[in-house]
Protein backbone atom coordinates (compact mmCIF):
# COMPACT_ATOMS: atom_id res chain seq x y z
CA MET A 1 0.24 -0.11 0.26
CA GLU A 2 1.62 3.02 -1.11
CA ALA A 3 1.83 5.53 1.88
CA PRO A 4 0.58 9.27 1.63
CA ARG A 5 2.69 12.23 -0.17
CA LEU A 6 3.58 14.83 2.47
CA ASP A 7 3.74 17.23 0.57
CA SER A 8 0.14 16.83 -0.77
CA ALA A 9 -1.06 16.17 2.52
CA PHE A 10 -0.37 19.52 3.71
CA THR A 11 -1.43 21.50 0.74
CA PRO A 12 -3.03 24.59 2.13
CA ALA A 13 -6.53 25.12 0.42
CA PRO A 14 -6.77 27.89 -2.15
CA VAL A 15 -7.68 31.07 -0.74
CA ALA A 16 -10.47 33.52 -2.31
CA PRO A 17 -9.39 37.27 -2.80
CA THR A 18 -9.86 39.51 -0.47
CA LEU A 19 -13.14 41.89 -1.24
CA TRP A 20 -10.23 45.09 -1.02
CA ALA A 21 -8.15 43.07 -3.69
CA ALA A 22 -11.28 42.34 -5.91
CA LEU A 23 -12.55 45.91 -5.74
CA GLY A 24 -8.76 46.76 -6.31
CA LEU A 25 -8.96 45.54 -9.48
CA ILE A 26 -12.25 46.59 -10.89
CA ALA A 27 -11.28 50.36 -10.12
CA LEU A 28 -7.91 49.81 -12.07
CA TYR A 29 -10.20 47.91 -15.05
CA PHE A 30 -12.06 51.04 -15.26
CA LEU A 31 -9.60 53.29 -14.54
CA LEU A 32 -7.00 51.60 -17.01
CA GLN A 33 -10.32 52.25 -19.93
CA TYR A 34 -10.06 56.46 -18.78
CA VAL A 35 -5.89 56.43 -18.78
CA VAL A 36 -5.92 54.53 -21.97
CA GLY A 37 -8.64 56.30 -23.92
CA ALA A 38 -6.89 59.73 -23.47
CA VAL A 39 -3.24 58.35 -24.32
CA VAL A 40 -4.93 57.09 -27.54
CA GLY A 41 -6.50 60.39 -27.99
CA LEU A 42 -3.64 62.24 -26.90
CA LEU A 43 -1.19 60.39 -29.62
CA LEU A 44 -3.93 60.88 -32.52
CA GLY A 45 -3.85 64.86 -31.77
CA LEU A 46 -0.10 64.45 -31.84
CA THR A 47 0.07 63.21 -35.35
CA VAL A 48 -2.37 65.45 -36.29
CA GLY A 49 -0.59 68.48 -35.03
CA VAL A 50 2.94 66.82 -36.57
CA LEU A 51 1.17 66.96 -39.73
CA HIS A 52 -0.17 69.95 -39.38
CA GLY A 53 2.83 72.16 -37.85
CA PHE A 54 0.96 73.23 -34.98
CA ARG A 55 0.22 76.69 -37.43
CA HIS A 56 -2.30 79.71 -36.54
CA GLY A 57 -4.46 77.24 -34.31
CA GLU A 58 -4.89 75.13 -37.23
CA ALA A 59 -3.88 71.86 -35.51
CA MET A 60 -6.37 72.02 -32.59
CA ALA A 61 -9.20 72.58 -35.31
CA GLN A 62 -8.11 69.54 -36.55
CA ILE A 63 -7.68 67.70 -33.45
CA GLN A 64 -10.96 68.65 -32.42
CA ALA A 65 -12.62 67.30 -35.46
CA LEU A 66 -10.94 64.35 -35.52
CA LEU A 67 -11.80 63.00 -32.28
CA LEU A 68 -15.24 64.21 -32.63
CA ARG A 69 -15.58 61.68 -35.78
CA SER A 70 -17.65 58.40 -35.10
CA ASP A 71 -14.86 55.80 -36.91
CA VAL A 72 -12.32 57.49 -34.83
CA ASN A 73 -14.51 56.84 -31.34
CA ALA A 74 -14.73 53.66 -32.50
CA LEU A 75 -11.24 53.00 -33.14
CA MET A 76 -10.45 54.33 -29.45
CA VAL A 77 -12.73 52.33 -27.75
CA MET A 78 -11.98 49.15 -29.45
CA LEU A 79 -8.05 49.99 -28.68
CA THR A 80 -8.90 50.68 -25.28
CA LEU A 81 -10.69 47.32 -24.82
CA LEU A 82 -8.22 45.52 -26.43
CA ILE A 83 -5.52 46.85 -23.89
CA THR A 84 -7.30 46.87 -20.34
CA ALA A 85 -9.07 43.75 -21.05
CA THR A 86 -6.04 41.74 -21.64
CA VAL A 87 -4.04 43.82 -18.77
CA THR A 88 -7.08 42.80 -16.77
CA LEU A 89 -6.96 39.27 -17.52
CA LEU A 90 -3.29 38.89 -17.75
CA LEU A 91 -2.96 40.72 -13.60
CA ALA A 92 -5.93 38.47 -12.59
CA ARG A 93 -4.45 35.29 -13.81
CA ARG A 94 -0.61 36.04 -12.48
CA ARG A 95 -2.47 37.36 -9.19
CA TRP A 96 -4.45 34.26 -8.80
CA PRO A 97 -2.79 31.14 -10.82
CA ALA A 98 -4.56 28.36 -8.29
CA LEU A 99 -8.14 29.95 -8.73
CA TRP A 100 -8.24 30.17 -12.39
CA ARG A 101 -9.39 26.61 -13.66
CA LEU A 102 -11.21 25.59 -9.56
CA PRO A 103 -14.98 25.09 -10.35
CA ALA A 104 -16.43 26.31 -7.61
CA PRO A 105 -15.55 29.37 -5.64
CA PRO A 106 -13.02 30.46 -4.09
CA GLY A 107 -12.08 29.16 -7.75
CA PHE A 108 -12.74 31.84 -11.15
CA GLY A 109 -14.76 29.03 -12.99
CA PHE A 110 -12.48 28.85 -16.28
CA ALA A 111 -13.54 24.71 -15.99
CA PRO A 112 -16.10 23.96 -18.62
CA SER A 113 -19.41 22.93 -16.81
CA ALA A 114 -20.29 19.12 -15.79
CA GLN A 115 -23.93 19.50 -17.19
CA ALA A 116 -24.25 20.58 -20.86
CA GLY A 117 -27.68 21.83 -19.91
CA TYR A 118 -26.62 24.87 -18.29
CA TYR A 119 -25.14 26.41 -21.48
CA ALA A 120 -29.00 25.81 -23.24
CA ILE A 121 -30.00 27.80 -19.86
CA ALA A 122 -27.59 30.47 -20.68
CA LEU A 123 -28.38 30.74 -24.05
CA ALA A 124 -32.39 31.34 -22.93
CA ALA A 125 -31.47 33.84 -20.31
CA GLY A 126 -29.24 35.55 -22.64
CA LEU A 127 -32.30 35.59 -25.35
CA VAL A 128 -35.17 36.31 -23.05
CA LEU A 129 -33.48 39.21 -20.28
CA PRO A 130 -32.96 42.00 -22.73
CA ILE A 131 -36.68 41.78 -23.57
CA VAL A 132 -37.78 41.38 -19.46
CA GLY A 133 -35.17 44.33 -18.86
CA GLY A 134 -36.53 46.36 -21.50
CA LEU A 135 -40.12 46.28 -20.44
CA LEU A 136 -38.70 46.86 -16.49
CA THR A 137 -37.09 49.93 -17.59
CA GLN A 138 -39.50 51.11 -19.55
CA TRP A 139 -42.13 50.69 -16.67
CA PHE A 140 -39.73 52.41 -14.10
CA ALA A 141 -38.82 55.09 -16.52
CA ARG A 142 -42.39 56.05 -17.60
CA GLY A 143 -41.65 57.12 -21.16
CA HIS A 144 -38.32 58.62 -20.29
CA GLU A 145 -35.64 57.46 -23.27
CA VAL A 146 -32.55 55.45 -21.97
CA SER A 147 -29.68 55.78 -24.24
CA GLN A 148 -26.37 54.33 -24.21
CA ASP A 149 -23.13 55.41 -25.24
CA ILE A 150 -21.92 52.53 -26.99
CA LYS A 151 -25.23 51.71 -28.69
CA GLN A 152 -25.04 55.03 -30.21
CA LEU A 153 -21.22 54.63 -31.03
CA GLY A 154 -22.31 51.32 -32.86
CA ALA A 155 -24.66 52.91 -34.85
CA ALA A 156 -22.84 55.60 -36.16
CA ALA A 157 -19.60 53.57 -37.20
CA SER A 158 -19.23 52.77 -40.38
CA PRO A 159 -19.80 49.38 -41.69
CA LEU A 160 -15.99 48.25 -41.33
CA LEU A 161 -15.41 49.14 -38.08
CA ARG A 162 -19.01 48.12 -36.74
CA MET A 163 -18.23 44.58 -37.21
CA PRO A 164 -14.71 44.05 -35.31
CA LEU A 165 -16.49 46.41 -32.64
CA ALA A 166 -19.53 44.16 -32.36
CA LEU A 167 -17.14 41.06 -31.89
CA LEU A 168 -15.27 42.78 -29.06
CA VAL A 169 -18.32 43.86 -26.93
CA VAL A 170 -20.19 40.64 -27.57
CA THR A 171 -16.53 38.57 -27.11
CA LEU A 172 -14.09 40.14 -24.95
CA GLY A 173 -16.40 42.67 -23.10
CA PRO A 174 -18.28 40.05 -21.37
CA LEU A 175 -15.27 37.51 -20.59
CA VAL A 176 -13.25 40.14 -18.73
CA GLU A 177 -16.74 41.69 -16.65
CA GLU A 178 -17.88 38.14 -15.55
CA LEU A 179 -14.02 37.46 -14.44
CA LEU A 180 -14.49 40.79 -12.49
CA PHE A 181 -17.92 40.35 -10.72
CA ARG A 182 -18.50 36.72 -11.15
CA GLY A 183 -15.23 35.39 -10.51
CA VAL A 184 -13.12 37.51 -8.28
CA LEU A 185 -15.68 39.53 -6.85
CA LEU A 186 -18.04 36.80 -5.78
CA SER A 187 -15.29 34.50 -4.63
CA ALA A 188 -14.40 37.34 -1.97
CA ALA A 189 -17.70 38.55 -1.21
CA LEU A 190 -18.40 34.52 -0.70
CA ARG A 191 -15.91 34.95 2.24
CA HIS A 192 -18.20 37.29 4.47
CA ALA A 193 -21.73 36.72 3.43
CA PRO A 194 -24.47 33.40 2.35
CA ALA A 195 -24.64 32.85 -1.61
CA GLY A 196 -28.00 34.92 -1.82
CA ALA A 197 -26.37 37.95 -0.42
CA ALA A 198 -22.98 37.74 -1.97
CA MET A 199 -24.96 37.15 -5.36
CA PHE A 200 -27.01 40.72 -4.55
CA ILE A 201 -23.41 42.38 -4.05
CA THR A 202 -22.02 41.50 -7.18
CA ALA A 203 -25.05 42.51 -9.07
CA ALA A 204 -25.61 45.62 -7.46
CA LEU A 205 -22.09 46.61 -7.65
CA PHE A 206 -22.03 45.56 -11.52
CA ALA A 207 -24.97 47.89 -11.78
CA CYS A 208 -23.87 50.77 -10.40
CA VAL A 209 -20.75 50.59 -12.71
CA HIS A 210 -22.73 50.56 -15.81
CA LEU A 211 -24.87 53.88 -14.84
CA PRO A 212 -22.06 55.94 -16.52
CA ASP A 213 -22.98 54.39 -19.87
CA LEU A 214 -26.71 54.99 -19.38
CA GLY A 215 -25.97 58.91 -18.52
CA PHE A 216 -26.79 57.71 -14.83
CA LEU A 217 -30.32 57.20 -15.16
CA TRP A 218 -31.50 55.28 -12.01
CA TYR A 219 -34.53 53.61 -13.88
CA ALA A 220 -31.84 51.54 -15.76
CA LEU A 221 -30.36 49.76 -12.82
CA PRO A 222 -33.51 47.09 -12.29
CA ASN A 223 -32.50 45.71 -15.39
CA LEU A 224 -28.76 45.75 -14.47
CA LEU A 225 -29.19 44.40 -11.35
CA LEU A 226 -31.41 41.38 -12.73
CA LEU A 227 -29.06 40.49 -15.53
CA GLY A 228 -26.56 40.33 -12.86
CA MET A 229 -28.14 38.02 -10.61
CA VAL A 230 -29.15 35.73 -13.06
CA LEU A 231 -25.19 35.74 -13.91
CA ALA A 232 -24.17 35.22 -10.37
CA TRP A 233 -26.60 31.89 -10.22
CA LEU A 234 -25.25 30.46 -13.33
CA ARG A 235 -21.76 30.77 -12.19
CA LEU A 236 -22.58 29.29 -8.86
CA ALA A 237 -25.15 26.75 -10.24
CA SER A 238 -22.95 25.62 -13.06
CA GLY A 239 -19.62 25.34 -11.29
CA SER A 240 -18.37 27.64 -14.45
CA LEU A 241 -17.84 30.59 -15.49
CA TRP A 242 -18.58 30.10 -19.13
CA PRO A 243 -22.52 29.88 -19.10
CA ALA A 244 -22.10 33.21 -17.80
CA VAL A 245 -19.81 34.92 -19.91
CA LEU A 246 -22.17 33.10 -22.76
CA ALA A 247 -25.85 34.59 -21.27
CA HIS A 248 -23.70 38.19 -20.93
CA GLY A 249 -22.40 37.36 -24.89
CA VAL A 250 -25.92 36.68 -26.23
CA ASN A 251 -27.27 39.43 -24.26
CA ASN A 252 -24.77 42.25 -25.47
CA ALA A 253 -25.35 40.40 -29.00
CA LEU A 254 -28.85 41.50 -29.14
CA ALA A 255 -28.03 45.39 -28.23
CA VAL A 256 -25.56 44.91 -31.04
CA VAL A 257 -28.22 44.07 -33.68
CA SER A 258 -29.86 47.39 -33.14
CA TRP A 259 -26.28 48.85 -34.78
CA PHE A 260 -27.40 47.20 -38.00
CA VAL A 261 -31.06 47.43 -37.86
CA VAL A 262 -30.52 51.21 -37.72
CA SER A 263 -28.06 51.41 -39.88
CA ALA A 264 -30.35 49.47 -42.69
CA SER A 265 -33.46 51.43 -41.91
């Protein structure tokens, strides 16, 4: 009979991130978006300035006109998302390598779900939640219009840029947000609260950080809160982050469809 290995017997269990570490990573992700966006805009502006020699105020007018163009804004958003998402994913992978593939918290769930049925549930949720959430928002808004910056940007961009922008919004955006909220933050919250409270905490913060993109319209919060709760349930019930990523991506895809419908009408 083989004796148990001492090194495996005394291997400590992986520890979930602290709340401060989770909140810090989320804050860093959104701060990077502003910093990278500003740097990209500055580099574009300097390029235009060099081409025009910074003479007679012509360069400043060209810079302002350039940054107001929809295609330039779309390029800035794509580049910003690519850089910030990549940096965030690498930081999380480097900081918590042992948690990356663990299916259950404190793991982040980058493992396939043992039950394929959860992917069908995720697909259905991604299709239904925008409808239910839209009706909920309309009920709270009482006739007020709810606009979203990314929707307006996508609809105004040229067809050449609209497709890659849509691809990033449907894939990379959901992936990094699910890691942050249903991976790192949910694992941290479960250290201090039962599952229901932890789900609500992560969903509430998820809703709040999206308010700037919605013009700080409070009546968009119930829709986002509902989405966050369903995504958190998918994460815990399936033992994987991928069903939540799928549902999030399908939810975003329905919004992306409007870019092409508006432009074609």
